[in-house]
Amino acid sequence: MQVNNYNREVNLLDIVNRGRIMPKAGDTGKPAKNSFSQELVKATQINISKHARERLHSRGIELSDTKMAELSAAIDKAAGKGSRETLILDESAAYVVSIPNRTIITAFGRENLREGVITAIDSAIVL
């Protein structure tokens, strides 16, 4: 039995950015089913619900790559504490996130926090 390509250098940024390892000569260019790179991308991905997309757009909230990385780290932290629904606050916006699904459920500007009550959360993280 011959084992190929298991002792080669891997650039994790290529895995995350492209969802696969860069091909070597002779590679078909197709990622392997259930490959490590696919699992890594899936584990670090943040989903945004349709409702949240509408709220982000209507409230003028933009999610930069840096902001997505901060949200991902906050989700990881909340998951480590056993949270299920978390309010994540940053300097300009607030996000309600389903931790097990890694999904932003809704988003609103900080000014909207003064208007009401946030329900159905079990934790909060301030960035």
Protein backbone atom coordinates (compact mmCIF):
# COMPACT_ATOMS: atom_id res chain seq x y z
CA MET A 1 0.00 0.00 0.00
CA GLN A 2 1.37 3.39 -0.99
CA VAL A 3 0.52 6.61 0.85
CA ASN A 4 0.98 9.83 -1.11
CA ASN A 5 0.90 13.52 -0.18
CA TYR A 6 0.57 13.05 3.59
CA ASN A 7 3.97 14.45 4.51
CA ARG A 8 3.86 17.68 2.58
CA GLU A 9 3.66 21.28 3.72
CA VAL A 10 0.17 22.72 3.86
CA ASN A 11 -0.69 26.41 3.75
CA LEU A 12 -3.76 26.77 6.00
CA LEU A 13 -4.61 30.15 4.44
CA ASP A 14 -4.97 28.47 1.06
CA ILE A 15 -7.25 25.90 2.65
CA VAL A 16 -9.48 28.52 4.23
CA ASN A 17 -9.50 30.95 1.29
CA ARG A 18 -10.07 28.39 -1.41
CA GLY A 19 -11.71 25.59 0.48
CA ARG A 20 -9.03 23.13 -0.62
CA ILE A 21 -5.29 22.52 -0.70
CA MET A 22 -3.46 23.92 -3.72
CA PRO A 23 -2.99 21.22 -6.36
CA LYS A 24 0.31 19.52 -7.01
CA ALA A 25 1.42 18.50 -10.49
CA GLY A 26 -0.87 15.77 -11.78
CA ASP A 27 -3.68 16.67 -9.37
CA THR A 28 -7.15 16.74 -10.92
CA GLY A 29 -7.95 19.95 -9.08
CA LYS A 30 -10.94 18.44 -7.30
CA PRO A 31 -10.98 18.37 -3.49
CA ALA A 32 -11.33 14.95 -1.91
CA LYS A 33 -14.71 14.11 -0.38
CA ASN A 34 -14.81 14.94 3.33
CA SER A 35 -11.26 16.23 3.16
CA PHE A 36 -9.59 18.00 6.04
CA SER A 37 -9.72 21.28 4.12
CA GLN A 38 -13.49 21.03 3.67
CA GLU A 39 -13.97 20.28 7.34
CA LEU A 40 -11.74 23.21 8.32
CA VAL A 41 -13.66 25.63 6.12
CA LYS A 42 -16.98 24.32 7.45
CA ALA A 43 -15.81 24.70 11.07
CA THR A 44 -14.75 28.34 10.60
CA GLN A 45 -17.60 29.49 8.38
CA ILE A 46 -20.26 31.87 9.66
CA ASN A 47 -23.73 31.65 8.14
CA ILE A 48 -26.02 34.67 7.90
CA SER A 49 -29.77 34.10 7.94
CA LYS A 50 -32.02 35.79 5.40
CA HIS A 51 -33.52 37.91 8.18
CA ALA A 52 -30.05 38.99 9.33
CA ARG A 53 -29.01 39.86 5.76
CA GLU A 54 -32.05 42.11 5.45
CA ARG A 55 -31.29 43.78 8.80
CA LEU A 56 -27.62 44.28 7.93
CA HIS A 57 -28.58 45.90 4.64
CA SER A 58 -31.42 48.07 6.00
CA ARG A 59 -29.31 49.27 8.94
CA GLY A 60 -26.17 49.90 6.89
CA ILE A 61 -24.02 47.43 8.81
CA GLU A 62 -21.09 46.06 6.84
CA LEU A 63 -19.22 42.88 7.73
CA SER A 64 -15.58 43.17 6.72
CA ASP A 65 -13.19 40.22 6.73
CA THR A 66 -11.75 41.52 10.00
CA LYS A 67 -15.21 41.75 11.57
CA MET A 68 -16.06 38.22 10.39
CA ALA A 69 -12.84 36.95 11.99
CA GLU A 70 -13.75 38.70 15.27
CA LEU A 71 -17.25 37.22 15.16
CA SER A 72 -15.84 33.76 14.45
CA ALA A 73 -13.51 34.02 17.45
CA ALA A 74 -16.43 35.17 19.63
CA ILE A 75 -18.54 32.24 18.42
CA ASP A 76 -15.71 29.85 19.27
CA LYS A 77 -15.43 31.40 22.74
CA ALA A 78 -19.20 31.13 23.34
CA ALA A 79 -19.21 27.53 22.11
CA GLY A 80 -16.44 26.71 24.55
CA LYS A 81 -18.65 27.96 27.39
CA GLY A 82 -21.66 25.92 26.22
CA SER A 83 -23.71 28.87 24.95
CA ARG A 84 -26.49 28.31 22.46
CA GLU A 85 -27.82 31.81 21.61
CA THR A 86 -25.40 34.68 22.16
CA LEU A 87 -25.54 38.44 21.85
CA ILE A 88 -22.26 39.74 20.45
CA LEU A 89 -21.67 43.47 20.89
CA ASP A 90 -19.00 45.49 19.14
CA GLU A 91 -18.38 49.23 18.91
CA SER A 92 -21.00 49.80 16.20
CA ALA A 93 -23.44 46.88 16.12
CA ALA A 94 -24.97 43.95 17.96
CA TYR A 95 -25.54 40.45 16.59
CA VAL A 96 -27.68 37.61 17.92
CA VAL A 97 -25.97 34.36 16.95
CA SER A 98 -27.01 30.71 17.07
CA ILE A 99 -23.80 29.13 18.33
CA PRO A 100 -24.40 25.46 17.33
CA ASN A 101 -25.29 26.54 13.76
CA ARG A 102 -22.68 29.33 13.60
CA THR A 103 -25.46 31.53 12.19
CA ILE A 104 -26.10 35.23 12.67
CA ILE A 105 -29.85 35.38 13.34
CA THR A 106 -30.27 39.15 13.44
CA ALA A 107 -28.22 42.33 13.68
CA PHE A 108 -28.85 45.88 14.74
CA GLY A 109 -26.97 49.11 15.38
CA ARG A 110 -25.96 50.08 18.90
CA GLU A 111 -28.55 52.90 18.86
CA ASN A 112 -31.30 50.25 18.58
CA LEU A 113 -30.19 48.74 21.91
CA ARG A 114 -31.72 51.67 23.75
CA GLU A 115 -35.15 50.94 22.26
CA GLY A 116 -35.92 47.52 23.64
CA VAL A 117 -35.20 44.24 25.29
CA ILE A 118 -33.17 41.39 23.79
CA THR A 119 -34.72 38.02 24.48
CA ALA A 120 -33.90 34.38 23.81
CA ILE A 121 -30.19 34.62 24.57
CA ASP A 122 -28.16 32.79 27.19
CA SER A 123 -24.94 34.79 27.00
CA ALA A 124 -23.35 38.00 25.76
CA ILE A 125 -19.88 38.84 24.48
CA VAL A 126 -18.50 42.36 24.23
CA LEU A 127 -15.81 42.80 21.58
